[in-house]
């Protein structure tokens, strides 16, 4: 960008124009098991070819591109993982994010290719907030989001349960997906008892993950649409993990009122979202995520802290606040008066 006498160049535009390449490079490497192979230690191109079955020409370009992206290191003829790729891109590691990369080309990019028409009409090429198309869409990738959200969920669990509760601590997990937000609470205390409300096709994913984490015996499930299902009442905490953005303003405001009614006096609501600043000038990811909602939902968007705080007050909540967690946006908490 032109600044203080520096000449204006097209370099930044050209970088943005090539922005499609890095996620596809990463996905190819994940699908070819490049990071898994290199987890055993530095290897030459021919060793990686032998282990993956990929062509020398193709793999040379892929490995060098990963070096350029600083996701591999190269010393002489040997390629090696970086701390970042060793942590997040090896399939056997607990923080593995490879599933999210596979989802990009199959579940996201095809719809983003229709962005111009979506902007022109205000309508998405596919509505994943509807059960028909949405159930399969979310079922196939929500488990891959677990590792990304789990550190944030652990911070929330420590905040909500600083000490062992004296009795049952009832949690309502709405549109739970993999159950990551409530699982962190259930792992912190055996007093936690969770009710999950989600689409029937997605609930088996949560059942599988909670069983694997050893907390499934303290979960019950209510299948159905969030605005139609019976939540029950008397919960100490309600979790809305990345759901308001796909619901849109109208359904979100109704959902917050319904959640308020389900909480016990003194209960707390916790909302995870991508949150833009108040004048919508950043952060960039939250602004781009609003377009992701344009191409995938009927009314979805990203919402500011001010907007969501007003909806919470409208629903009856008080003391809307932000809780810093690892990641691009804080969690939003509010209380039901005692």
Foldseek 3Di string as FASTA:
>chain_A
DDDDNDDDDCVVVVVVVPVVPPLVLLLVCLVQQVLQQQLVDWDALVSSCVVRVDDSVVSVVSQVVCVVVVQWPDDPRIIHGDPVCNAAPHVVHLLHLNLVSVCCVVPFVVLVVCLVVLVVVLAAPAALVDCPNVLVSLQSRLVSCLSVCQQQLLLVLCVLPVDADPAAAEEEEEQCQLVRNVLSNCVVYVSYAYEYEHAPSRVVNNLVNCVVSPRNVRYDYWHDDLLPTDRAAAHQEYEAEADQQQVADVVVLSNLLVVLRRYDAFHKYKYHFLAAAPVRPDDPVQQVVQSSSSNHHNHGGHYHLVVVVVSNVVSQWDDWDFADTPDDGTMIMTTHHD
